[in-house]
Amino acid sequence: YQRLNLEWGALGDTRYLRSDYQFQQHFAITNRYTYSFNAEIAYGIGLQGRPYPVFKNWSGGGLGSVRGFEQGTLGPIDALGASIGGNKRINLNHELYVPFPGAGNDRTLRLFGYVDAGNVWGENEPIKFKDFRASTGVGISWVSPVGPLKLSYGKPFRYVDQDKIQKLQFQIGT
């Protein structure tokens, strides 16, 4: 799976260019074990001497990003300590899916282990490897009659003191 989004703000008070590229690959190790890789890189810039609009910032942390961190809390913070996101984002996700004990060959209910890494950077911050946050954990994935469900438990192993940790996370859909 590959996806490229481009957005150009050419009218109104804001002038900006925003792009996002995602690559996803699933590898069947055997008919019961699957390795999954996801990478996403995003960048936005203000145009015609205008700053990049803060309402177009990306956020990071949580399911769909770097699990083990509270949703949307990675990256720059304002003077009050609230996360404001940034115009640059990188996410890397690795998952290994294994059969759920007792489920036989049922691929709708599976266990997984993961390692996630990434972060969000502000307009005047350079992307540096030392700023990456990372976590590892385990979870359960179930393709239920109401849609896909995912429950994960993770522990960050690369973080800073002000990061907001959330070890247990739950997702319905996508």
Protein backbone atom coordinates (compact mmCIF):
# COMPACT_ATOMS: atom_id res chain seq x y z
CA TYR A 1 0.00 0.00 0.00
CA GLN A 2 1.30 3.43 -0.92
CA ARG A 3 -0.42 6.77 -0.47
CA LEU A 4 0.69 10.28 -1.38
CA ASN A 5 -1.33 13.32 -0.35
CA LEU A 6 -0.59 16.84 -1.53
CA GLU A 7 -2.44 19.91 -0.28
CA TRP A 8 -1.91 23.45 -1.51
CA GLY A 9 -3.42 26.40 0.33
CA ALA A 10 -3.48 29.14 -2.31
CA LEU A 11 -6.43 31.32 -1.31
CA GLY A 12 -7.49 33.17 1.81
CA ASP A 13 -5.17 34.35 4.56
CA THR A 14 -2.94 31.27 4.54
CA ARG A 15 -0.49 30.11 1.90
CA TYR A 16 1.05 26.70 2.41
CA LEU A 17 2.06 23.41 0.85
CA ARG A 18 1.52 20.16 2.74
CA SER A 19 2.50 16.62 1.74
CA ASP A 20 2.27 13.19 3.31
CA TYR A 21 3.64 9.88 2.01
CA GLN A 22 2.83 6.47 3.51
CA PHE A 23 4.24 3.05 2.61
CA GLN A 24 2.83 -0.17 4.08
CA GLN A 25 3.91 -3.74 3.38
CA HIS A 26 2.74 -7.05 4.84
CA PHE A 27 4.91 -10.17 4.56
CA ALA A 28 3.47 -13.66 5.08
CA ILE A 29 6.26 -15.48 6.93
CA THR A 30 4.11 -18.62 6.98
CA ASN A 31 0.36 -19.06 6.57
CA ARG A 32 0.01 -18.29 10.32
CA TYR A 33 2.65 -15.58 10.93
CA THR A 34 2.70 -12.14 9.32
CA TYR A 35 5.20 -9.29 9.59
CA SER A 36 3.87 -5.81 8.85
CA PHE A 37 5.84 -2.61 8.22
CA ASN A 38 4.48 0.94 7.99
CA ALA A 39 6.42 4.15 7.29
CA GLU A 40 4.99 7.64 7.04
CA ILE A 41 6.72 10.94 6.41
CA ALA A 42 4.94 14.29 6.35
CA TYR A 43 6.08 17.85 5.72
CA GLY A 44 4.42 21.24 5.42
CA ILE A 45 5.77 24.70 4.65
CA GLY A 46 4.39 28.23 4.59
CA LEU A 47 4.49 30.00 1.21
CA GLN A 48 4.91 33.62 0.09
CA GLY A 49 6.62 34.63 3.34
CA ARG A 50 3.74 33.38 5.50
CA PRO A 51 4.18 30.91 8.36
CA TYR A 52 2.83 27.39 8.12
CA PRO A 53 -0.70 27.51 9.64
CA VAL A 54 -0.85 25.95 13.11
CA PHE A 55 -4.28 24.42 12.40
CA LYS A 56 -2.62 22.25 9.72
CA ASN A 57 -0.01 20.81 12.13
CA TRP A 58 0.41 17.05 12.40
CA SER A 59 0.28 15.34 15.75
CA GLY A 60 2.00 12.21 16.96
CA GLY A 61 1.61 9.60 19.66
CA GLY A 62 -1.06 6.97 20.19
CA LEU A 63 -2.59 4.36 17.92
CA GLY A 64 -1.77 5.00 14.27
CA SER A 65 1.47 6.68 15.31
CA VAL A 66 3.80 5.84 18.21
CA ARG A 67 1.84 3.64 20.61
CA GLY A 68 2.61 3.85 24.32
CA PHE A 69 2.41 7.65 24.20
CA GLU A 70 -0.83 9.54 24.77
CA GLN A 71 -2.70 10.35 21.56
CA GLY A 72 -1.46 13.55 19.89
CA THR A 73 1.07 14.53 22.57
CA LEU A 74 4.42 14.11 20.79
CA GLY A 75 6.26 17.11 19.40
CA PRO A 76 6.30 20.81 20.26
CA ILE A 77 4.37 22.17 23.22
CA ASP A 78 3.16 25.71 23.92
CA ALA A 79 3.93 27.88 26.97
CA LEU A 80 1.16 26.17 28.96
CA GLY A 81 2.48 22.67 28.20
CA ALA A 82 -0.21 21.76 25.65
CA SER A 83 0.80 19.81 22.54
CA ILE A 84 0.55 21.92 19.39
CA GLY A 85 1.95 19.49 16.83
CA GLY A 86 4.32 20.46 14.06
CA ASN A 87 4.88 20.75 10.34
CA LYS A 88 7.13 17.65 10.14
CA ARG A 89 6.32 14.06 11.17
CA ILE A 90 7.93 10.65 10.81
CA ASN A 91 6.36 7.34 11.94
CA LEU A 92 7.83 3.85 11.67
CA ASN A 93 5.81 0.83 12.80
CA HIS A 94 6.76 -2.86 12.89
CA GLU A 95 4.29 -5.60 13.84
CA LEU A 96 4.52 -9.38 14.05
CA TYR A 97 1.12 -11.12 14.03
CA VAL A 98 0.84 -14.62 15.52
CA PRO A 99 -2.14 -16.96 16.00
CA PHE A 100 -4.28 -16.48 19.11
CA PRO A 101 -3.90 -19.53 21.38
CA GLY A 102 -6.79 -21.92 20.83
CA ALA A 103 -8.11 -20.09 17.73
CA GLY A 104 -6.59 -22.56 15.26
CA ASN A 105 -6.17 -21.02 11.80
CA ASP A 106 -8.67 -18.21 12.48
CA ARG A 107 -6.94 -15.09 11.13
CA THR A 108 -9.64 -12.71 12.43
CA LEU A 109 -8.34 -12.99 16.02
CA ARG A 110 -4.59 -12.65 16.45
CA LEU A 111 -1.91 -11.52 18.86
CA PHE A 112 0.79 -9.10 17.81
CA GLY A 113 4.02 -7.63 19.06
CA TYR A 114 5.20 -4.24 17.91
CA VAL A 115 7.99 -1.68 17.87
CA ASP A 116 7.10 1.91 16.96
CA ALA A 117 9.30 4.97 16.49
CA GLY A 118 8.74 8.54 15.37
CA ASN A 119 8.05 12.10 16.41
CA VAL A 120 6.75 15.49 15.30
CA TRP A 121 8.92 18.59 14.81
CA GLY A 122 8.05 22.28 14.64
CA GLU A 123 8.77 24.68 11.80
CA ASN A 124 12.15 25.83 13.14
CA GLU A 125 13.29 22.46 14.51
CA PRO A 126 15.63 20.22 12.52
CA ILE A 127 14.78 16.52 12.34
CA LYS A 128 17.31 14.70 14.52
CA PHE A 129 17.58 10.98 15.29
CA LYS A 130 18.06 11.75 18.99
CA ASP A 131 14.54 13.26 19.08
CA PHE A 132 12.81 10.04 17.98
CA ARG A 133 10.51 8.45 20.55
CA ALA A 134 10.10 4.69 20.56
CA SER A 135 8.02 2.02 22.25
CA THR A 136 7.42 -1.69 22.19
CA GLY A 137 4.47 -3.78 23.24
CA VAL A 138 1.90 -6.47 22.59
CA GLY A 139 -1.73 -6.51 21.62
CA ILE A 140 -4.81 -8.29 20.33
CA SER A 141 -6.35 -7.67 16.91
CA TRP A 142 -9.87 -8.87 16.13
CA VAL A 143 -11.82 -8.36 12.91
CA SER A 144 -15.21 -8.32 14.65
CA PRO A 145 -18.73 -8.06 13.16
CA VAL A 146 -18.77 -4.33 14.11
CA GLY A 147 -15.38 -3.67 12.51
CA PRO A 148 -11.70 -4.12 13.35
CA LEU A 149 -10.78 -3.83 17.03
CA LYS A 150 -7.27 -3.39 18.37
CA LEU A 151 -6.11 -3.40 22.00
CA SER A 152 -2.46 -2.76 22.71
CA TYR A 153 -0.27 -2.50 25.78
CA GLY A 154 3.05 -0.76 25.29
CA LYS A 155 6.01 0.61 27.12
CA PRO A 156 8.09 3.48 25.76
CA PHE A 157 11.81 2.80 25.86
CA ARG A 158 12.95 6.04 24.28
CA TYR A 159 11.29 9.12 25.79
CA VAL A 160 11.88 12.33 27.74
CA ASP A 161 10.43 13.30 31.12
CA GLN A 162 7.70 15.63 29.78
CA ASP A 163 6.26 12.95 27.43
CA LYS A 164 2.78 11.75 28.34
CA ILE A 165 2.75 7.96 28.61
CA GLN A 166 -0.36 5.85 27.98
CA LYS A 167 0.41 2.15 28.17
CA LEU A 168 -3.06 0.74 27.37
CA GLN A 169 -4.74 1.86 24.12
CA PHE A 170 -7.88 0.76 22.27
CA GLN A 171 -9.04 1.38 18.70
CA ILE A 172 -12.22 0.59 16.80
CA GLY A 173 -12.11 0.77 12.99
CA THR A 174 -9.43 1.25 10.33
